[in-house]
PDB file of N, CA and C in Angstrom:
ATOM      1  N   UNK A   1      -8.483 -18.295  -1.123  1.00  0.00           N
ATOM      2  CA  UNK A   1      -8.779 -16.737  -0.629  1.00  0.00           C
ATOM      3  C   UNK A   1      -8.783 -15.790  -1.899  1.00  0.00           C
ATOM      4  N   UNK A   2      -9.896 -15.325  -2.002  1.00  0.00           N
ATOM      5  CA  UNK A   2     -10.367 -14.388  -3.029  1.00  0.00           C
ATOM      6  C   UNK A   2      -9.789 -13.060  -2.889  1.00  0.00           C
ATOM      7  N   UNK A   3      -9.134 -12.488  -3.821  1.00  0.00           N
ATOM      8  CA  UNK A   3      -8.703 -11.052  -3.467  1.00  0.00           C
ATOM      9  C   UNK A   3      -9.613 -10.045  -4.348  1.00  0.00           C
ATOM     10  N   UNK A   4      -9.783  -8.956  -3.523  1.00  0.00           N
ATOM     11  CA  UNK A   4     -10.790  -7.917  -4.244  1.00  0.00           C
ATOM     12  C   UNK A   4     -10.234  -7.518  -5.505  1.00  0.00           C
ATOM     13  N   UNK A   5     -11.099  -6.998  -6.528  1.00  0.00           N
ATOM     14  CA  UNK A   5     -10.742  -6.582  -7.542  1.00  0.00           C
ATOM     15  C   UNK A   5     -10.013  -5.088  -7.521  1.00  0.00           C
ATOM     16  N   UNK A   6      -8.817  -5.087  -8.160  1.00  0.00           N
ATOM     17  CA  UNK A   6      -8.124  -3.736  -8.101  1.00  0.00           C
ATOM     18  C   UNK A   6      -8.648  -2.853  -9.077  1.00  0.00           C
ATOM     19  N   UNK A   7      -8.927  -1.564  -8.737  1.00  0.00           N
ATOM     20  CA  UNK A   7      -9.213  -0.470  -9.740  1.00  0.00           C
ATOM     21  C   UNK A   7      -7.742   0.158 -10.257  1.00  0.00           C
ATOM     22  N   UNK A   8      -8.078   1.017 -11.215  1.00  0.00           N
ATOM     23  CA  UNK A   8      -6.846   1.551 -11.996  1.00  0.00           C
ATOM     24  C   UNK A   8      -5.659   2.114 -10.958  1.00  0.00           C
ATOM     25  N   UNK A   9      -6.297   2.854 -10.115  1.00  0.00           N
ATOM     26  CA  UNK A   9      -5.476   3.634  -9.148  1.00  0.00           C
ATOM     27  C   UNK A   9      -4.582   2.688  -8.182  1.00  0.00           C
ATOM     28  N   UNK A  10      -5.245   1.603  -7.849  1.00  0.00           N
ATOM     29  CA  UNK A  10      -4.767   0.879  -6.957  1.00  0.00           C
ATOM     30  C   UNK A  10      -3.678  -0.016  -7.783  1.00  0.00           C
ATOM     31  N   UNK A  11      -3.896  -0.341  -8.933  1.00  0.00           N
ATOM     32  CA  UNK A  11      -2.880  -1.097  -9.987  1.00  0.00           C
ATOM     33  C   UNK A  11      -1.722  -0.032 -10.000  1.00  0.00           C
ATOM     34  N   UNK A  12      -1.791   1.172 -10.234  1.00  0.00           N
ATOM     35  CA  UNK A  12      -0.627   2.113 -10.238  1.00  0.00           C
ATOM     36  C   UNK A  12       0.126   2.250  -9.124  1.00  0.00           C
ATOM     37  N   UNK A  13      -0.520   2.269  -7.848  1.00  0.00           N
ATOM     38  CA  UNK A  13       0.084   2.209  -6.502  1.00  0.00           C
ATOM     39  C   UNK A  13       1.158   0.971  -6.432  1.00  0.00           C
ATOM     40  N   UNK A  14       0.319   0.061  -6.825  1.00  0.00           N
ATOM     41  CA  UNK A  14       1.206  -1.292  -6.625  1.00  0.00           C
ATOM     42  C   UNK A  14       2.392  -1.348  -7.546  1.00  0.00           C
ATOM     43  N   UNK A  15       2.128  -0.697  -8.794  1.00  0.00           N
ATOM     44  CA  UNK A  15       3.372  -1.039  -9.525  1.00  0.00           C
ATOM     45  C   UNK A  15       4.269   0.126  -9.069  1.00  0.00           C
ATOM     46  N   UNK A  16       4.048   1.044  -8.667  1.00  0.00           N
ATOM     47  CA  UNK A  16       5.157   2.183  -8.093  1.00  0.00           C
ATOM     48  C   UNK A  16       5.718   1.717  -6.903  1.00  0.00           C
ATOM     49  N   UNK A  17       4.801   1.026  -6.068  1.00  0.00           N
ATOM     50  CA  UNK A  17       5.806   0.446  -4.863  1.00  0.00           C
ATOM     51  C   UNK A  17       6.590  -0.574  -4.943  1.00  0.00           C
ATOM     52  N   UNK A  18       6.379  -1.564  -6.145  1.00  0.00           N
ATOM     53  CA  UNK A  18       7.083  -2.614  -6.330  1.00  0.00           C
ATOM     54  C   UNK A  18       8.378  -2.004  -7.167  1.00  0.00           C
ATOM     55  N   UNK A  19       8.155  -0.981  -7.759  1.00  0.00           N
ATOM     56  CA  UNK A  19       9.235  -0.314  -8.487  1.00  0.00           C
ATOM     57  C   UNK A  19      10.491   0.250  -7.627  1.00  0.00           C
ATOM     58  N   UNK A  20       9.743   0.814  -6.529  1.00  0.00           N
ATOM     59  CA  UNK A  20      10.660   1.398  -5.751  1.00  0.00           C
ATOM     60  C   UNK A  20      11.409   0.560  -4.780  1.00  0.00           C
ATOM     61  N   UNK A  21      10.650  -0.715  -4.429  1.00  0.00           N
ATOM     62  CA  UNK A  21      11.175  -1.786  -3.615  1.00  0.00           C
ATOM     63  C   UNK A  21      12.225  -2.353  -4.368  1.00  0.00           C
ATOM     64  N   UNK A  22      12.205  -2.883  -5.502  1.00  0.00           N
ATOM     65  CA  UNK A  22      12.957  -3.546  -6.450  1.00  0.00           C
ATOM     66  C   UNK A  22      14.229  -2.611  -6.816  1.00  0.00           C
ATOM     67  N   UNK A  23      14.367  -1.325  -6.401  1.00  0.00           N
ATOM     68  CA  UNK A  23      15.523  -0.435  -6.799  1.00  0.00           C
ATOM     69  C   UNK A  23      16.042  -0.050  -5.661  1.00  0.00           C
ATOM     70  N   UNK A  24      15.814  -0.513  -4.321  1.00  0.00           N
ATOM     71  CA  UNK A  24      16.257  -0.176  -3.181  1.00  0.00           C
ATOM     72  C   UNK A  24      17.872  -0.757  -2.904  1.00  0.00           C
ATOM     73  N   UNK A  25      18.832   0.035  -2.455  1.00  0.00           N
ATOM     74  CA  UNK A  25      20.205  -0.370  -2.483  1.00  0.00           C
ATOM     75  C   UNK A  25      20.129  -1.488  -1.435  1.00  0.00           C
ATOM     76  N   UNK A  26      21.296  -2.417  -1.800  1.00  0.00           N
ATOM     77  CA  UNK A  26      21.663  -3.585  -0.948  1.00  0.00           C
ATOM     78  C   UNK A  26      21.718  -3.316   0.426  1.00  0.00           C
ATOM     79  N   UNK A  27      22.380  -2.178   0.981  1.00  0.00           N
ATOM     80  CA  UNK A  27      22.481  -2.047   2.329  1.00  0.00           C
ATOM     81  C   UNK A  27      21.289  -1.522   2.938  1.00  0.00           C
ATOM     82  N   UNK A  28      20.314  -1.211   2.240  1.00  0.00           N
ATOM     83  CA  UNK A  28      19.084  -0.721   2.938  1.00  0.00           C
ATOM     84  C   UNK A  28      18.445  -2.200   3.304  1.00  0.00           C
ATOM     85  N   UNK A  29      18.543  -3.205   2.523  1.00  0.00           N
ATOM     86  CA  UNK A  29      17.666  -4.381   2.919  1.00  0.00           C
ATOM     87  C   UNK A  29      17.997  -4.877   3.957  1.00  0.00           C
ATOM     88  N   UNK A  30      19.196  -4.627   4.616  1.00  0.00           N
ATOM     89  CA  UNK A  30      19.917  -5.598   5.596  1.00  0.00           C
ATOM     90  C   UNK A  30      19.188  -4.916   7.089  1.00  0.00           C
ATOM     91  N   UNK A  31      18.311  -3.625   7.098  1.00  0.00           N
ATOM     92  CA  UNK A  31      17.932  -3.320   8.123  1.00  0.00           C
ATOM     93  C   UNK A  31      16.514  -3.554   8.161  1.00  0.00           C
ATOM     94  N   UNK A  32      15.825  -3.888   9.400  1.00  0.00           N
ATOM     95  CA  UNK A  32      14.460  -4.315   9.637  1.00  0.00           C
ATOM     96  C   UNK A  32      13.678  -2.987  10.044  1.00  0.00           C
ATOM     97  N   UNK A  33      13.097  -2.240   9.115  1.00  0.00           N
ATOM     98  CA  UNK A  33      12.386  -1.052   9.571  1.00  0.00           C
ATOM     99  C   UNK A  33      11.059  -0.650   8.867  1.00  0.00           C
ATOM    100  N   UNK A  34       9.962  -0.740   9.982  1.00  0.00           N
ATOM    101  CA  UNK A  34       8.832  -0.245   9.041  1.00  0.00           C
ATOM    102  C   UNK A  34       8.745   1.200   8.771  1.00  0.00           C
ATOM    103  N   UNK A  35       9.582   1.946   9.338  1.00  0.00           N
ATOM    104  CA  UNK A  35       9.565   3.362   9.130  1.00  0.00           C
ATOM    105  C   UNK A  35       9.952   3.553   7.698  1.00  0.00           C
ATOM    106  N   UNK A  36      11.038   2.828   7.295  1.00  0.00           N
ATOM    107  CA  UNK A  36      11.451   2.880   5.789  1.00  0.00           C
ATOM    108  C   UNK A  36      10.446   2.419   4.889  1.00  0.00           C
ATOM    109  N   UNK A  37       9.764   1.373   5.312  1.00  0.00           N
ATOM    110  CA  UNK A  37       8.588   0.907   4.463  1.00  0.00           C
ATOM    111  C   UNK A  37       7.592   2.136   4.556  1.00  0.00           C
ATOM    112  N   UNK A  38       7.107   2.596   5.441  1.00  0.00           N
ATOM    113  CA  UNK A  38       6.145   3.662   5.204  1.00  0.00           C
ATOM    114  C   UNK A  38       6.580   4.786   4.407  1.00  0.00           C
ATOM    115  N   UNK A  39       8.001   5.270   4.467  1.00  0.00           N
ATOM    116  CA  UNK A  39       8.578   6.026   3.331  1.00  0.00           C
ATOM    117  C   UNK A  39       8.179   5.834   2.071  1.00  0.00           C
ATOM    118  N   UNK A  40       8.560   4.579   1.772  1.00  0.00           N
ATOM    119  CA  UNK A  40       8.344   4.132   0.457  1.00  0.00           C
ATOM    120  C   UNK A  40       6.942   4.197  -0.086  1.00  0.00           C
ATOM    121  N   UNK A  41       5.987   3.751   0.746  1.00  0.00           N
ATOM    122  CA  UNK A  41       4.433   3.769   0.840  1.00  0.00           C
ATOM    123  C   UNK A  41       4.002   5.409   0.409  1.00  0.00           C
ATOM    124  N   UNK A  42       4.579   6.148   1.233  1.00  0.00           N
ATOM    125  CA  UNK A  42       4.138   7.715   1.155  1.00  0.00           C
ATOM    126  C   UNK A  42       4.494   8.079  -0.379  1.00  0.00           C
ATOM    127  N   UNK A  43       5.649   7.930  -0.599  1.00  0.00           N
ATOM    128  CA  UNK A  43       6.364   8.263  -1.843  1.00  0.00           C
ATOM    129  C   UNK A  43       5.457   7.885  -3.143  1.00  0.00           C
ATOM    130  N   UNK A  44       5.173   6.314  -2.950  1.00  0.00           N
ATOM    131  CA  UNK A  44       4.372   5.987  -4.100  1.00  0.00           C
ATOM    132  C   UNK A  44       3.016   6.533  -4.249  1.00  0.00           C
ATOM    133  N   UNK A  45       2.534   6.817  -3.029  1.00  0.00           N
ATOM    134  CA  UNK A  45       1.030   7.552  -3.245  1.00  0.00           C
ATOM    135  C   UNK A  45       1.238   8.973  -3.683  1.00  0.00           C
ATOM    136  N   UNK A  46       2.223   9.641  -3.264  1.00  0.00           N
ATOM    137  CA  UNK A  46       2.591  11.059  -3.537  1.00  0.00           C
ATOM    138  C   UNK A  46       2.825  11.084  -5.305  1.00  0.00           C
ATOM    139  N   UNK A  47       3.279  10.052  -5.689  1.00  0.00           N
ATOM    140  CA  UNK A  47       3.912   9.893  -7.099  1.00  0.00           C
ATOM    141  C   UNK A  47       2.426   9.653  -8.190  1.00  0.00           C
ATOM    142  N   UNK A  48       1.440   9.445  -7.411  1.00  0.00           N
ATOM    143  CA  UNK A  48       0.325   9.273  -8.442  1.00  0.00           C
ATOM    144  C   UNK A  48      -0.181  10.376  -9.147  1.00  0.00           C
ATOM    145  N   UNK A  49      -0.397  10.342 -10.470  1.00  0.00           N
ATOM    146  CA  UNK A  49      -0.791  11.390 -11.290  1.00  0.00           C
ATOM    147  C   UNK A  49      -1.865  12.224 -10.552  1.00  0.00           C
ATOM    148  N   UNK A  50      -1.914  13.518 -10.413  1.00  0.00           N
ATOM    149  CA  UNK A  50      -3.048  14.309  -9.977  1.00  0.00           C
ATOM    150  C   UNK A  50      -4.423  13.927 -10.679  1.00  0.00           C
ATOM    151  N   UNK A  51      -4.225  13.946 -11.844  1.00  0.00           N
ATOM    152  CA  UNK A  51      -5.723  13.531 -12.509  1.00  0.00           C
ATOM    153  C   UNK A  51      -6.327  12.253 -11.848  1.00  0.00           C
ATOM    154  N   UNK A  52      -5.537  11.118 -11.456  1.00  0.00           N
ATOM    155  CA  UNK A  52      -6.076   9.934 -10.895  1.00  0.00           C
ATOM    156  C   UNK A  52      -6.452  10.074  -9.673  1.00  0.00           C
ATOM    157  N   UNK A  53      -5.931  10.904  -8.793  1.00  0.00           N
ATOM    158  CA  UNK A  53      -6.397  11.411  -7.407  1.00  0.00           C
ATOM    159  C   UNK A  53      -7.611  11.950  -7.575  1.00  0.00           C
ATOM    160  N   UNK A  54      -7.812  13.018  -8.572  1.00  0.00           N
ATOM    161  CA  UNK A  54      -8.984  13.538  -8.639  1.00  0.00           C
ATOM    162  C   UNK A  54     -10.257  12.839  -9.158  1.00  0.00           C
ATOM    163  N   UNK A  55     -10.078  11.901  -9.748  1.00  0.00           N
ATOM    164  CA  UNK A  55     -10.904  10.887 -10.544  1.00  0.00           C
ATOM    165  C   UNK A  55     -11.474  10.185  -9.289  1.00  0.00           C
ATOM    166  N   UNK A  56     -10.738   9.645  -8.470  1.00  0.00           N
ATOM    167  CA  UNK A  56     -10.885   8.825  -7.338  1.00  0.00           C
ATOM    168  C   UNK A  56     -11.757   9.699  -6.399  1.00  0.00           C
ATOM    169  N   UNK A  57     -11.422  10.846  -6.166  1.00  0.00           N
ATOM    170  CA  UNK A  57     -11.975  11.613  -5.174  1.00  0.00           C
ATOM    171  C   UNK A  57     -13.568  12.022  -5.684  1.00  0.00           C
ATOM    172  N   UNK A  58     -13.458  12.019  -6.792  1.00  0.00           N
ATOM    173  CA  UNK A  58     -14.931  12.459  -7.578  1.00  0.00           C
ATOM    174  C   UNK A  58     -15.810  11.181  -7.256  1.00  0.00           C
ATOM    175  N   UNK A  59     -15.276   9.952  -7.682  1.00  0.00           N
ATOM    176  CA  UNK A  59     -16.135   8.676  -7.527  1.00  0.00           C
ATOM    177  C   UNK A  59     -16.263   7.768  -6.182  1.00  0.00           C
ATOM    178  N   UNK A  60     -15.281   8.471  -5.435  1.00  0.00           N
ATOM    179  CA  UNK A  60     -15.228   7.401  -4.178  1.00  0.00           C
ATOM    180  C   UNK A  60     -15.198   8.319  -2.961  1.00  0.00           C
ATOM    181  N   UNK A  61     -15.748   7.689  -1.831  1.00  0.00           N
ATOM    182  CA  UNK A  61     -15.858   8.436  -0.452  1.00  0.00           C
ATOM    183  C   UNK A  61     -14.247   8.682  -0.356  1.00  0.00           C
ATOM    184  N   UNK A  62     -13.629   9.752   0.151  1.00  0.00           N
ATOM    185  CA  UNK A  62     -12.330   9.900   0.424  1.00  0.00           C
ATOM    186  C   UNK A  62     -11.656   8.957   1.459  1.00  0.00           C
ATOM    187  N   UNK A  63     -12.265   8.745   2.561  1.00  0.00           N
ATOM    188  CA  UNK A  63     -11.855   7.990   3.517  1.00  0.00           C
ATOM    189  C   UNK A  63     -11.644   6.290   2.752  1.00  0.00           C
ATOM    190  N   UNK A  64     -12.743   6.007   2.183  1.00  0.00           N
ATOM    191  CA  UNK A  64     -12.820   4.456   1.617  1.00  0.00           C
ATOM    192  C   UNK A  64     -11.412   4.689   0.631  1.00  0.00           C
ATOM    193  N   UNK A  65     -11.288   5.644  -0.113  1.00  0.00           N
ATOM    194  CA  UNK A  65     -10.272   5.867  -0.963  1.00  0.00           C
ATOM    195  C   UNK A  65      -8.871   5.619  -0.309  1.00  0.00           C
ATOM    196  N   UNK A  66      -8.642   6.291   0.617  1.00  0.00           N
ATOM    197  CA  UNK A  66      -7.409   6.278   1.305  1.00  0.00           C
ATOM    198  C   UNK A  66      -7.257   4.718   1.748  1.00  0.00           C
ATOM    199  N   UNK A  67      -8.223   4.416   2.603  1.00  0.00           N
ATOM    200  CA  UNK A  67      -8.044   2.911   3.011  1.00  0.00           C
ATOM    201  C   UNK A  67      -7.574   2.043   1.986  1.00  0.00           C
ATOM    202  N   UNK A  68      -8.535   2.028   0.513  1.00  0.00           N
ATOM    203  CA  UNK A  68      -8.020   1.070  -0.339  1.00  0.00           C
ATOM    204  C   UNK A  68      -6.673   1.274  -0.960  1.00  0.00           C
ATOM    205  N   UNK A  69      -6.462   2.509  -1.022  1.00  0.00           N
ATOM    206  CA  UNK A  69      -4.848   2.759  -1.496  1.00  0.00           C
ATOM    207  C   UNK A  69      -3.993   2.147  -0.566  1.00  0.00           C
ATOM    208  N   UNK A  70      -4.102   2.054   0.755  1.00  0.00           N
ATOM    209  CA  UNK A  70      -3.207   1.935   1.855  1.00  0.00           C
ATOM    210  C   UNK A  70      -3.086   0.505   1.686  1.00  0.00           C
ATOM    211  N   UNK A  71      -4.211  -0.317   1.371  1.00  0.00           N
ATOM    212  CA  UNK A  71      -4.374  -1.823   1.324  1.00  0.00           C
ATOM    213  C   UNK A  71      -3.552  -2.167   0.343  1.00  0.00           C
ATOM    214  N   UNK A  72      -3.819  -1.598  -1.079  1.00  0.00           N
ATOM    215  CA  UNK A  72      -3.131  -1.731  -2.339  1.00  0.00           C
ATOM    216  C   UNK A  72      -1.675  -1.751  -1.966  1.00  0.00           C
ATOM    217  N   UNK A  73      -1.057  -0.725  -1.334  1.00  0.00           N
ATOM    218  CA  UNK A  73       0.376  -0.571  -1.133  1.00  0.00           C
ATOM    219  C   UNK A  73       0.846  -1.648  -0.200  1.00  0.00           C
ATOM    220  N   UNK A  74       0.115  -1.972   0.660  1.00  0.00           N
ATOM    221  CA  UNK A  74       0.363  -3.029   1.831  1.00  0.00           C
ATOM    222  C   UNK A  74       0.459  -4.474   0.804  1.00  0.00           C
ATOM    223  N   UNK A  75      -0.414  -4.574   0.139  1.00  0.00           N
ATOM    224  CA  UNK A  75      -0.455  -5.855  -0.611  1.00  0.00           C
ATOM    225  C   UNK A  75       0.837  -5.805  -1.591  1.00  0.00           C
ATOM    226  N   UNK A  76       1.271  -4.866  -2.307  1.00  0.00           N
ATOM    227  CA  UNK A  76       2.446  -4.773  -3.045  1.00  0.00           C
ATOM    228  C   UNK A  76       3.676  -4.946  -2.262  1.00  0.00           C
ATOM    229  N   UNK A  77       3.696  -4.525  -1.052  1.00  0.00           N
ATOM    230  CA  UNK A  77       4.750  -4.750  -0.110  1.00  0.00           C
ATOM    231  C   UNK A  77       4.827  -6.129   0.629  1.00  0.00           C
ATOM    232  N   UNK A  78       3.736  -6.589   0.805  1.00  0.00           N
ATOM    233  CA  UNK A  78       3.480  -8.021   1.494  1.00  0.00           C
ATOM    234  C   UNK A  78       4.185  -9.072   0.363  1.00  0.00           C
ATOM    235  N   UNK A  79       3.634  -8.669  -1.018  1.00  0.00           N
ATOM    236  CA  UNK A  79       4.082  -9.856  -2.082  1.00  0.00           C
ATOM    237  C   UNK A  79       5.696  -9.759  -2.047  1.00  0.00           C
ATOM    238  N   UNK A  80       6.255  -8.745  -1.614  1.00  0.00           N
ATOM    239  CA  UNK A  80       7.959  -8.959  -1.912  1.00  0.00           C
ATOM    240  C   UNK A  80       8.537  -8.906  -0.709  1.00  0.00           C
ATOM    241  N   UNK A  81       7.689  -9.152   0.507  1.00  0.00           N
ATOM    242  CA  UNK A  81       8.709  -9.134   1.920  1.00  0.00           C
ATOM    243  C   UNK A  81       9.486 -10.506   1.997  1.00  0.00           C
ATOM    244  N   UNK A  82       9.228 -11.452   1.441  1.00  0.00           N
ATOM    245  CA  UNK A  82      10.160 -12.798   1.522  1.00  0.00           C
ATOM    246  C   UNK A  82      11.492 -12.318   0.951  1.00  0.00           C
ATOM    247  N   UNK A  83      11.248 -11.780  -0.334  1.00  0.00           N
ATOM    248  CA  UNK A  83      12.607 -11.578  -1.103  1.00  0.00           C
ATOM    249  C   UNK A  83      13.621 -10.437  -0.226  1.00  0.00           C
ATOM    250  N   UNK A  84      12.907  -9.467   0.314  1.00  0.00           N
ATOM    251  CA  UNK A  84      13.508  -8.174   0.873  1.00  0.00           C
ATOM    252  C   UNK A  84      14.118  -8.520   2.302  1.00  0.00           C
ATOM    253  N   UNK A  85      13.332  -9.369   2.847  1.00  0.00           N
ATOM    254  CA  UNK A  85      13.570  -9.724   4.297  1.00  0.00           C
ATOM    255  C   UNK A  85      13.247  -8.536   5.251  1.00  0.00           C
ATOM    256  N   UNK A  86      12.159  -7.991   4.878  1.00  0.00           N
ATOM    257  CA  UNK A  86      11.713  -6.923   5.798  1.00  0.00           C
ATOM    258  C   UNK A  86      10.607  -7.269   6.833  1.00  0.00           C
ATOM    259  N   UNK A  87      10.657  -6.840   7.884  1.00  0.00           N
ATOM    260  CA  UNK A  87       9.632  -6.740   8.853  1.00  0.00           C
ATOM    261  C   UNK A  87       8.868  -5.595   8.692  1.00  0.00           C
ATOM    262  N   UNK A  88       7.579  -5.818   8.574  1.00  0.00           N
ATOM    263  CA  UNK A  88       6.655  -4.848   8.330  1.00  0.00           C
ATOM    264  C   UNK A  88       5.259  -4.995   8.899  1.00  0.00           C
ATOM    265  N   UNK A  89       4.811  -3.775   9.738  1.00  0.00           N
ATOM    266  CA  UNK A  89       3.519  -4.004  10.459  1.00  0.00           C
ATOM    267  C   UNK A  89       2.472  -3.170   9.498  1.00  0.00           C
ATOM    268  N   UNK A  90       1.423  -3.925   9.298  1.00  0.00           N
ATOM    269  CA  UNK A  90       0.342  -3.083   8.455  1.00  0.00           C
ATOM    270  C   UNK A  90      -0.150  -2.101   9.288  1.00  0.00           C
ATOM    271  N   UNK A  91      -0.172  -0.839   8.610  1.00  0.00           N
ATOM    272  CA  UNK A  91      -0.984   0.209   9.132  1.00  0.00           C
ATOM    273  C   UNK A  91      -1.836   0.597   8.298  1.00  0.00           C
ATOM    274  N   UNK A  92      -3.065   1.181   8.557  1.00  0.00           N
ATOM    275  CA  UNK A  92      -4.250   1.344   7.980  1.00  0.00           C
ATOM    276  C   UNK A  92      -4.720   2.943   8.385  1.00  0.00           C
ATOM    277  N   UNK A  93      -5.048   3.806   7.560  1.00  0.00           N
ATOM    278  CA  UNK A  93      -5.794   4.905   8.094  1.00  0.00           C
ATOM    279  C   UNK A  93      -7.238   4.727   8.365  1.00  0.00           C
ATOM    280  N   UNK A  94      -7.611   4.671   9.533  1.00  0.00           N
ATOM    281  CA  UNK A  94      -9.042   4.482   9.765  1.00  0.00           C
ATOM    282  C   UNK A  94      -9.282   5.551  11.096  1.00  0.00           C
ATOM    283  N   UNK A  95     -10.494   5.868  10.877  1.00  0.00           N
ATOM    284  CA  UNK A  95     -11.265   6.762  12.223  1.00  0.00           C
ATOM    285  C   UNK A  95     -11.803   6.107  13.274  1.00  0.00           C
ATOM    286  N   UNK A  96     -12.337   4.909  12.956  1.00  0.00           N
ATOM    287  CA  UNK A  96     -13.069   4.091  13.937  1.00  0.00           C
ATOM    288  C   UNK A  96     -12.184   2.938  14.415  1.00  0.00           C
ATOM    289  N   UNK A  97     -11.571   2.912  15.424  1.00  0.00           N
ATOM    290  CA  UNK A  97     -10.509   1.968  15.919  1.00  0.00           C
ATOM    291  C   UNK A  97     -11.452   0.532  16.037  1.00  0.00           C
ATOM    292  N   UNK A  98     -12.568   0.633  16.076  1.00  0.00           N
ATOM    293  CA  UNK A  98     -13.326  -0.719  16.375  1.00  0.00           C
ATOM    294  C   UNK A  98     -13.307  -1.300  15.171  1.00  0.00           C
ATOM    295  N   UNK A  99     -13.050  -0.743  13.833  1.00  0.00           N
ATOM    296  CA  UNK A  99     -13.342  -1.384  12.536  1.00  0.00           C
ATOM    297  C   UNK A  99     -12.030  -1.279  11.821  1.00  0.00           C
ATOM    298  N   UNK A 100     -10.945  -1.564  12.506  1.00  0.00           N
ATOM    299  CA  UNK A 100      -9.717  -1.658  11.864  1.00  0.00           C
ATOM    300  C   UNK A 100      -9.554  -3.137  11.481  1.00  0.00           C
ATOM    301  N   UNK A 101      -9.222  -3.310   9.994  1.00  0.00           N
ATOM    302  CA  UNK A 101      -9.236  -4.650   9.479  1.00  0.00           C
ATOM    303  C   UNK A 101      -7.944  -5.285  10.086  1.00  0.00           C
ATOM    304  N   UNK A 102      -8.151  -6.633  10.482  1.00  0.00           N
ATOM    305  CA  UNK A 102      -6.976  -7.213  11.120  1.00  0.00           C
ATOM    306  C   UNK A 102      -6.317  -8.123  10.086  1.00  0.00           C
ATOM    307  N   UNK A 103      -6.705  -8.325   8.911  1.00  0.00           N
ATOM    308  CA  UNK A 103      -6.256  -9.075   7.803  1.00  0.00           C
ATOM    309  C   UNK A 103      -6.308  -8.041   6.484  1.00  0.00           C
ATOM    310  N   UNK A 104      -5.372  -8.214   5.470  1.00  0.00           N
ATOM    311  CA  UNK A 104      -5.469  -7.514   4.441  1.00  0.00           C
ATOM    312  C   UNK A 104      -6.695  -8.135   3.321  1.00  0.00           C
ATOM    313  N   UNK A 105      -6.668  -9.392   3.379  1.00  0.00           N
ATOM    314  CA  UNK A 105      -7.935 -10.083   2.625  1.00  0.00           C
ATOM    315  C   UNK A 105      -8.862 -10.835   3.536  1.00  0.00           C
ATOM    316  N   UNK A 106      -9.862 -10.618   3.555  1.00  0.00           N
ATOM    317  CA  UNK A 106     -11.070 -11.256   4.520  1.00  0.00           C
ATOM    318  C   UNK A 106     -11.483 -12.439   3.792  1.00  0.00           C
ATOM    319  N   UNK A 107     -11.689 -13.439   4.414  1.00  0.00           N
ATOM    320  CA  UNK A 107     -12.021 -14.541   3.777  1.00  0.00           C
ATOM    321  C   UNK A 107     -13.341 -14.757   3.828  1.00  0.00           C
ATOM    322  N   UNK A 108     -13.972 -14.983   2.709  1.00  0.00           N
ATOM    323  CA  UNK A 108     -15.567 -14.948   2.640  1.00  0.00           C
ATOM    324  C   UNK A 108     -16.216 -16.468   2.854  1.00  0.00           C
TER     325      UNK A 108
END
């Protein structure tokens, strides 16, 4: 399974999410809650430096950028799910429901 190339912004998001997830208190881990995972995701995206957000908006379509950032965050979370014993439902920001991706990585 080939994984798409990660740009700098996606790498920063993944690193931030992994840091947040690794620092969760033990009591948090016993609850299965996608809402809490979404909060971690949103916090990670908000912590991106403004300069990186501006750079991404300048060179990428905003909708595509949001989707790629969300997929990058989902990838970071998915990589840690076994350790954290979390239940997580992947959610993506898409405008056209017919084009919602069903897998994080499409096989080529």
